[in-house]
Amino acid sequence: MRELRLREEYITLGQLLKAEGLVENGAEAKEVIQSGEASVNGKVDERRGRKLREGDVVSFRGTEIKVVR
């Protein structure tokens, strides 16, 4: 499991996918999130602006990323 260290209080789902290099840009992030390819804490989330905080785990195409402080 990979970890993403927060620099602020939260990061959005779309920003996390871009920061981790899982998508190339915001348009691609929006497309894959709205198509249900990303899940947060085991549940599909179709909101690109979903705020992720410490302890949240994102799953996307076989990759898991835990948000840490």
PDB file of N, CA and C in Angstrom:
ATOM      1  N   MET A   1       0.855  -1.180   0.000  1.00  0.00           N
ATOM      2  CA  MET A   1       0.000   0.000   0.000  1.00  0.00           C
ATOM      3  C   MET A   1       0.902   1.245   0.000  1.00  0.00           C
ATOM      4  N   ARG A   2       0.606   2.142  -0.905  1.00  0.00           N
ATOM      5  CA  ARG A   2       1.329   3.404  -0.970  1.00  0.00           C
ATOM      6  C   ARG A   2       0.738   4.380   0.041  1.00  0.00           C
ATOM      7  N   GLU A   3       1.522   5.401   0.382  1.00  0.00           N
ATOM      8  CA  GLU A   3       1.047   6.440   1.287  1.00  0.00           C
ATOM      9  C   GLU A   3       1.208   7.803   0.640  1.00  0.00           C
ATOM     10  N   LEU A   4       0.246   8.664   0.879  1.00  0.00           N
ATOM     11  CA  LEU A   4       0.330  10.051   0.439  1.00  0.00           C
ATOM     12  C   LEU A   4       0.276  10.923   1.681  1.00  0.00           C
ATOM     13  N   ARG A   5       1.321  11.698   1.904  1.00  0.00           N
ATOM     14  CA  ARG A   5       1.402  12.551   3.088  1.00  0.00           C
ATOM     15  C   ARG A   5       0.721  13.886   2.805  1.00  0.00           C
ATOM     16  N   LEU A   6      -0.230  14.244   3.664  1.00  0.00           N
ATOM     17  CA  LEU A   6      -0.958  15.508   3.527  1.00  0.00           C
ATOM     18  C   LEU A   6      -0.064  16.690   3.855  1.00  0.00           C
ATOM     19  N   ARG A   7      -0.185  17.742   3.068  1.00  0.00           N
ATOM     20  CA  ARG A   7       0.500  19.002   3.370  1.00  0.00           C
ATOM     21  C   ARG A   7      -0.485  19.996   3.981  1.00  0.00           C
ATOM     22  N   GLU A   8      -1.765  19.743   3.750  1.00  0.00           N
ATOM     23  CA  GLU A   8      -2.829  20.604   4.268  1.00  0.00           C
ATOM     24  C   GLU A   8      -3.821  19.724   5.008  1.00  0.00           C
ATOM     25  N   GLU A   9      -4.978  20.264   5.331  1.00  0.00           N
ATOM     26  CA  GLU A   9      -5.984  19.517   6.091  1.00  0.00           C
ATOM     27  C   GLU A   9      -6.563  18.350   5.289  1.00  0.00           C
ATOM     28  N   TYR A  10      -6.689  18.532   3.979  1.00  0.00           N
ATOM     29  CA  TYR A  10      -7.263  17.482   3.131  1.00  0.00           C
ATOM     30  C   TYR A  10      -6.735  17.627   1.709  1.00  0.00           C
ATOM     31  N   ILE A  11      -7.020  16.604   0.899  1.00  0.00           N
ATOM     32  CA  ILE A  11      -6.743  16.624  -0.541  1.00  0.00           C
ATOM     33  C   ILE A  11      -7.985  16.045  -1.209  1.00  0.00           C
ATOM     34  N   THR A  12      -8.316  16.520  -2.392  1.00  0.00           N
ATOM     35  CA  THR A  12      -9.494  15.971  -3.063  1.00  0.00           C
ATOM     36  C   THR A  12      -9.116  14.685  -3.798  1.00  0.00           C
ATOM     37  N   LEU A  13     -10.120  13.893  -4.092  1.00  0.00           N
ATOM     38  CA  LEU A  13      -9.902  12.628  -4.784  1.00  0.00           C
ATOM     39  C   LEU A  13      -9.217  12.858  -6.133  1.00  0.00           C
ATOM     40  N   GLY A  14      -9.686  13.840  -6.891  1.00  0.00           N
ATOM     41  CA  GLY A  14      -9.068  14.136  -8.189  1.00  0.00           C
ATOM     42  C   GLY A  14      -7.620  14.561  -8.042  1.00  0.00           C
ATOM     43  N   GLN A  15      -7.324  15.389  -7.053  1.00  0.00           N
ATOM     44  CA  GLN A  15      -5.959  15.838  -6.815  1.00  0.00           C
ATOM     45  C   GLN A  15      -5.054  14.669  -6.429  1.00  0.00           C
ATOM     46  N   LEU A  16      -5.566  13.748  -5.626  1.00  0.00           N
ATOM     47  CA  LEU A  16      -4.772  12.597  -5.217  1.00  0.00           C
ATOM     48  C   LEU A  16      -4.403  11.740  -6.420  1.00  0.00           C
ATOM     49  N   LEU A  17      -5.366  11.472  -7.290  1.00  0.00           N
ATOM     50  CA  LEU A  17      -5.075  10.653  -8.468  1.00  0.00           C
ATOM     51  C   LEU A  17      -4.013  11.302  -9.345  1.00  0.00           C
ATOM     52  N   LYS A  18      -4.077  12.616  -9.488  1.00  0.00           N
ATOM     53  CA  LYS A  18      -3.070  13.340 -10.274  1.00  0.00           C
ATOM     54  C   LYS A  18      -1.722  13.332  -9.562  1.00  0.00           C
ATOM     55  N   ALA A  19      -1.704  13.600  -8.268  1.00  0.00           N
ATOM     56  CA  ALA A  19      -0.455  13.669  -7.505  1.00  0.00           C
ATOM     57  C   ALA A  19       0.288  12.338  -7.512  1.00  0.00           C
ATOM     58  N   GLU A  20      -0.450  11.244  -7.526  1.00  0.00           N
ATOM     59  CA  GLU A  20       0.155   9.919  -7.512  1.00  0.00           C
ATOM     60  C   GLU A  20       0.483   9.409  -8.923  1.00  0.00           C
ATOM     61  N   GLY A  21       0.183  10.224  -9.931  1.00  0.00           N
ATOM     62  CA  GLY A  21       0.510   9.838 -11.303  1.00  0.00           C
ATOM     63  C   GLY A  21      -0.394   8.764 -11.881  1.00  0.00           C
ATOM     64  N   LEU A  22      -1.570   8.598 -11.306  1.00  0.00           N
ATOM     65  CA  LEU A  22      -2.499   7.560 -11.771  1.00  0.00           C
ATOM     66  C   LEU A  22      -3.348   8.048 -12.935  1.00  0.00           C
ATOM     67  N   VAL A  23      -3.455   9.357 -13.094  1.00  0.00           N
ATOM     68  CA  VAL A  23      -4.119   9.970 -14.249  1.00  0.00           C
ATOM     69  C   VAL A  23      -3.229  11.125 -14.707  1.00  0.00           C
ATOM     70  N   GLU A  24      -3.407  11.538 -15.948  1.00  0.00           N
ATOM     71  CA  GLU A  24      -2.543  12.587 -16.494  1.00  0.00           C
ATOM     72  C   GLU A  24      -3.019  14.002 -16.192  1.00  0.00           C
ATOM     73  N   ASN A  25      -4.337  14.186 -16.072  1.00  0.00           N
ATOM     74  CA  ASN A  25      -4.854  15.540 -15.887  1.00  0.00           C
ATOM     75  C   ASN A  25      -6.221  15.501 -15.205  1.00  0.00           C
ATOM     76  N   GLY A  26      -6.748  16.694 -14.940  1.00  0.00           N
ATOM     77  CA  GLY A  26      -8.033  16.796 -14.262  1.00  0.00           C
ATOM     78  C   GLY A  26      -9.191  16.225 -15.050  1.00  0.00           C
ATOM     79  N   ALA A  27      -9.131  16.367 -16.372  1.00  0.00           N
ATOM     80  CA  ALA A  27     -10.202  15.832 -17.213  1.00  0.00           C
ATOM     81  C   ALA A  27     -10.257  14.310 -17.118  1.00  0.00           C
ATOM     82  N   GLU A  28      -9.097  13.674 -17.130  1.00  0.00           N
ATOM     83  CA  GLU A  28      -9.056  12.218 -17.009  1.00  0.00           C
ATOM     84  C   GLU A  28      -9.508  11.790 -15.613  1.00  0.00           C
ATOM     85  N   ALA A  29      -9.097  12.541 -14.599  1.00  0.00           N
ATOM     86  CA  ALA A  29      -9.525  12.232 -13.231  1.00  0.00           C
ATOM     87  C   ALA A  29     -11.045  12.276 -13.131  1.00  0.00           C
ATOM     88  N   LYS A  30     -11.639  13.323 -13.681  1.00  0.00           N
ATOM     89  CA  LYS A  30     -13.095  13.468 -13.653  1.00  0.00           C
ATOM     90  C   LYS A  30     -13.770  12.281 -14.331  1.00  0.00           C
ATOM     91  N   GLU A  31     -13.254  11.881 -15.473  1.00  0.00           N
ATOM     92  CA  GLU A  31     -13.839  10.778 -16.239  1.00  0.00           C
ATOM     93  C   GLU A  31     -13.792   9.457 -15.468  1.00  0.00           C
ATOM     94  N   VAL A  32     -12.617   9.109 -14.926  1.00  0.00           N
ATOM     95  CA  VAL A  32     -12.501   7.816 -14.247  1.00  0.00           C
ATOM     96  C   VAL A  32     -13.266   7.794 -12.923  1.00  0.00           C
ATOM     97  N   ILE A  33     -13.320   8.942 -12.246  1.00  0.00           N
ATOM     98  CA  ILE A  33     -14.061   9.000 -10.980  1.00  0.00           C
ATOM     99  C   ILE A  33     -15.554   8.876 -11.244  1.00  0.00           C
ATOM    100  N   GLN A  34     -16.059   9.622 -12.232  1.00  0.00           N
ATOM    101  CA  GLN A  34     -17.489   9.572 -12.534  1.00  0.00           C
ATOM    102  C   GLN A  34     -17.924   8.231 -13.110  1.00  0.00           C
ATOM    103  N   SER A  35     -16.982   7.468 -13.665  1.00  0.00           N
ATOM    104  CA  SER A  35     -17.330   6.144 -14.188  1.00  0.00           C
ATOM    105  C   SER A  35     -17.271   5.074 -13.095  1.00  0.00           C
ATOM    106  N   GLY A  36     -16.949   5.484 -11.866  1.00  0.00           N
ATOM    107  CA  GLY A  36     -16.986   4.551 -10.738  1.00  0.00           C
ATOM    108  C   GLY A  36     -15.736   3.715 -10.566  1.00  0.00           C
ATOM    109  N   GLU A  37     -14.607   4.144 -11.127  1.00  0.00           N
ATOM    110  CA  GLU A  37     -13.379   3.352 -11.043  1.00  0.00           C
ATOM    111  C   GLU A  37     -12.605   3.551  -9.740  1.00  0.00           C
ATOM    112  N   ALA A  38     -12.936   4.582  -8.977  1.00  0.00           N
ATOM    113  CA  ALA A  38     -12.214   4.852  -7.732  1.00  0.00           C
ATOM    114  C   ALA A  38     -13.118   4.579  -6.537  1.00  0.00           C
ATOM    115  N   SER A  39     -12.515   4.042  -5.494  1.00  0.00           N
ATOM    116  CA  SER A  39     -13.283   3.848  -4.265  1.00  0.00           C
ATOM    117  C   SER A  39     -12.515   4.449  -3.096  1.00  0.00           C
ATOM    118  N   VAL A  40     -13.270   4.892  -2.103  1.00  0.00           N
ATOM    119  CA  VAL A  40     -12.707   5.478  -0.887  1.00  0.00           C
ATOM    120  C   VAL A  40     -13.222   4.653   0.285  1.00  0.00           C
ATOM    121  N   ASN A  41     -12.294   4.098   1.040  1.00  0.00           N
ATOM    122  CA  ASN A  41     -12.638   3.263   2.199  1.00  0.00           C
ATOM    123  C   ASN A  41     -13.590   2.132   1.817  1.00  0.00           C
ATOM    124  N   GLY A  42     -13.343   1.542   0.641  1.00  0.00           N
ATOM    125  CA  GLY A  42     -14.106   0.379   0.203  1.00  0.00           C
ATOM    126  C   GLY A  42     -15.421   0.667  -0.492  1.00  0.00           C
ATOM    127  N   LYS A  43     -15.764   1.939  -0.681  1.00  0.00           N
ATOM    128  CA  LYS A  43     -17.026   2.293  -1.333  1.00  0.00           C
ATOM    129  C   LYS A  43     -16.751   3.177  -2.545  1.00  0.00           C
ATOM    130  N   VAL A  44     -17.404   2.874  -3.653  1.00  0.00           N
ATOM    131  CA  VAL A  44     -17.246   3.686  -4.860  1.00  0.00           C
ATOM    132  C   VAL A  44     -17.696   5.110  -4.560  1.00  0.00           C
ATOM    133  N   ASP A  45     -16.885   6.069  -4.990  1.00  0.00           N
ATOM    134  CA  ASP A  45     -17.228   7.477  -4.799  1.00  0.00           C
ATOM    135  C   ASP A  45     -17.055   8.184  -6.127  1.00  0.00           C
ATOM    136  N   GLU A  46     -18.103   8.797  -6.622  1.00  0.00           N
ATOM    137  CA  GLU A  46     -18.090   9.426  -7.941  1.00  0.00           C
ATOM    138  C   GLU A  46     -17.925  10.937  -7.868  1.00  0.00           C
ATOM    139  N   ARG A  47     -17.435  11.444  -6.728  1.00  0.00           N
ATOM    140  CA  ARG A  47     -17.252  12.892  -6.557  1.00  0.00           C
ATOM    141  C   ARG A  47     -15.771  13.248  -6.656  1.00  0.00           C
ATOM    142  N   ARG A  48     -15.407  13.970  -7.695  1.00  0.00           N
ATOM    143  CA  ARG A  48     -14.020  14.381  -7.897  1.00  0.00           C
ATOM    144  C   ARG A  48     -13.536  15.250  -6.737  1.00  0.00           C
ATOM    145  N   GLY A  49     -14.431  16.035  -6.154  1.00  0.00           N
ATOM    146  CA  GLY A  49     -14.082  16.936  -5.064  1.00  0.00           C
ATOM    147  C   GLY A  49     -14.155  16.317  -3.690  1.00  0.00           C
ATOM    148  N   ARG A  50     -14.357  15.006  -3.618  1.00  0.00           N
ATOM    149  CA  ARG A  50     -14.420  14.308  -2.327  1.00  0.00           C
ATOM    150  C   ARG A  50     -13.172  14.645  -1.509  1.00  0.00           C
ATOM    151  N   LYS A  51     -13.366  15.157  -0.308  1.00  0.00           N
ATOM    152  CA  LYS A  51     -12.247  15.526   0.547  1.00  0.00           C
ATOM    153  C   LYS A  51     -11.720  14.295   1.266  1.00  0.00           C
ATOM    154  N   LEU A  52     -10.434  14.062   1.118  1.00  0.00           N
ATOM    155  CA  LEU A  52      -9.779  12.932   1.762  1.00  0.00           C
ATOM    156  C   LEU A  52      -8.935  13.449   2.913  1.00  0.00           C
ATOM    157  N   ARG A  53      -9.076  12.794   4.032  1.00  0.00           N
ATOM    158  CA  ARG A  53      -8.342  13.198   5.238  1.00  0.00           C
ATOM    159  C   ARG A  53      -7.526  12.018   5.762  1.00  0.00           C
ATOM    160  N   GLU A  54      -6.738  12.278   6.767  1.00  0.00           N
ATOM    161  CA  GLU A  54      -5.886  11.243   7.343  1.00  0.00           C
ATOM    162  C   GLU A  54      -6.675   9.960   7.635  1.00  0.00           C
ATOM    163  N   GLY A  55      -6.126   8.837   7.207  1.00  0.00           N
ATOM    164  CA  GLY A  55      -6.752   7.541   7.456  1.00  0.00           C
ATOM    165  C   GLY A  55      -7.580   7.018   6.301  1.00  0.00           C
ATOM    166  N   ASP A  56      -7.980   7.882   5.366  1.00  0.00           N
ATOM    167  CA  ASP A  56      -8.750   7.422   4.211  1.00  0.00           C
ATOM    168  C   ASP A  56      -7.865   6.577   3.296  1.00  0.00           C
ATOM    169  N   VAL A  57      -8.479   5.569   2.681  1.00  0.00           N
ATOM    170  CA  VAL A  57      -7.760   4.697   1.745  1.00  0.00           C
ATOM    171  C   VAL A  57      -8.488   4.738   0.411  1.00  0.00           C
ATOM    172  N   VAL A  58      -7.736   5.070  -0.636  1.00  0.00           N
ATOM    173  CA  VAL A  58      -8.277   5.143  -1.991  1.00  0.00           C
ATOM    174  C   VAL A  58      -7.793   3.925  -2.764  1.00  0.00           C
ATOM    175  N   SER A  59      -8.709   3.279  -3.474  1.00  0.00           N
ATOM    176  CA  SER A  59      -8.370   2.170  -4.357  1.00  0.00           C
ATOM    177  C   SER A  59      -8.696   2.578  -5.779  1.00  0.00           C
ATOM    178  N   PHE A  60      -7.734   2.330  -6.682  1.00  0.00           N
ATOM    179  CA  PHE A  60      -7.914   2.700  -8.081  1.00  0.00           C
ATOM    180  C   PHE A  60      -7.086   1.780  -8.955  1.00  0.00           C
ATOM    181  N   ARG A  61      -7.764   1.009  -9.790  1.00  0.00           N
ATOM    182  CA  ARG A  61      -7.097   0.119 -10.756  1.00  0.00           C
ATOM    183  C   ARG A  61      -5.990  -0.729 -10.114  1.00  0.00           C
ATOM    184  N   GLY A  62      -6.306  -1.335  -8.991  1.00  0.00           N
ATOM    185  CA  GLY A  62      -5.349  -2.234  -8.333  1.00  0.00           C
ATOM    186  C   GLY A  62      -4.331  -1.562  -7.431  1.00  0.00           C
ATOM    187  N   THR A  63      -4.388  -0.241  -7.325  1.00  0.00           N
ATOM    188  CA  THR A  63      -3.466   0.487  -6.459  1.00  0.00           C
ATOM    189  C   THR A  63      -4.221   1.021  -5.254  1.00  0.00           C
ATOM    190  N   GLU A  64      -3.630   0.862  -4.073  1.00  0.00           N
ATOM    191  CA  GLU A  64      -4.225   1.406  -2.861  1.00  0.00           C
ATOM    192  C   GLU A  64      -3.305   2.471  -2.295  1.00  0.00           C
ATOM    193  N   ILE A  65      -3.906   3.599  -1.909  1.00  0.00           N
ATOM    194  CA  ILE A  65      -3.148   4.712  -1.347  1.00  0.00           C
ATOM    195  C   ILE A  65      -3.808   5.124  -0.034  1.00  0.00           C
ATOM    196  N   LYS A  66      -3.011   5.146   1.024  1.00  0.00           N
ATOM    197  CA  LYS A  66      -3.500   5.592   2.329  1.00  0.00           C
ATOM    198  C   LYS A  66      -3.060   7.023   2.541  1.00  0.00           C
ATOM    199  N   VAL A  67      -4.002   7.862   2.980  1.00  0.00           N
ATOM    200  CA  VAL A  67      -3.705   9.259   3.273  1.00  0.00           C
ATOM    201  C   VAL A  67      -3.182   9.343   4.698  1.00  0.00           C
ATOM    202  N   VAL A  68      -1.982   9.908   4.845  1.00  0.00           N
ATOM    203  CA  VAL A  68      -1.367  10.030   6.165  1.00  0.00           C
ATOM    204  C   VAL A  68      -0.996  11.475   6.448  1.00  0.00           C
ATOM    205  N   ARG A  69      -0.738  11.794   7.684  1.00  0.00           N
ATOM    206  CA  ARG A  69      -0.353  13.155   8.101  1.00  0.00           C
ATOM    207  C   ARG A  69       1.118  13.261   8.123  1.00  0.00           C
TER     208      ARG A  69
END
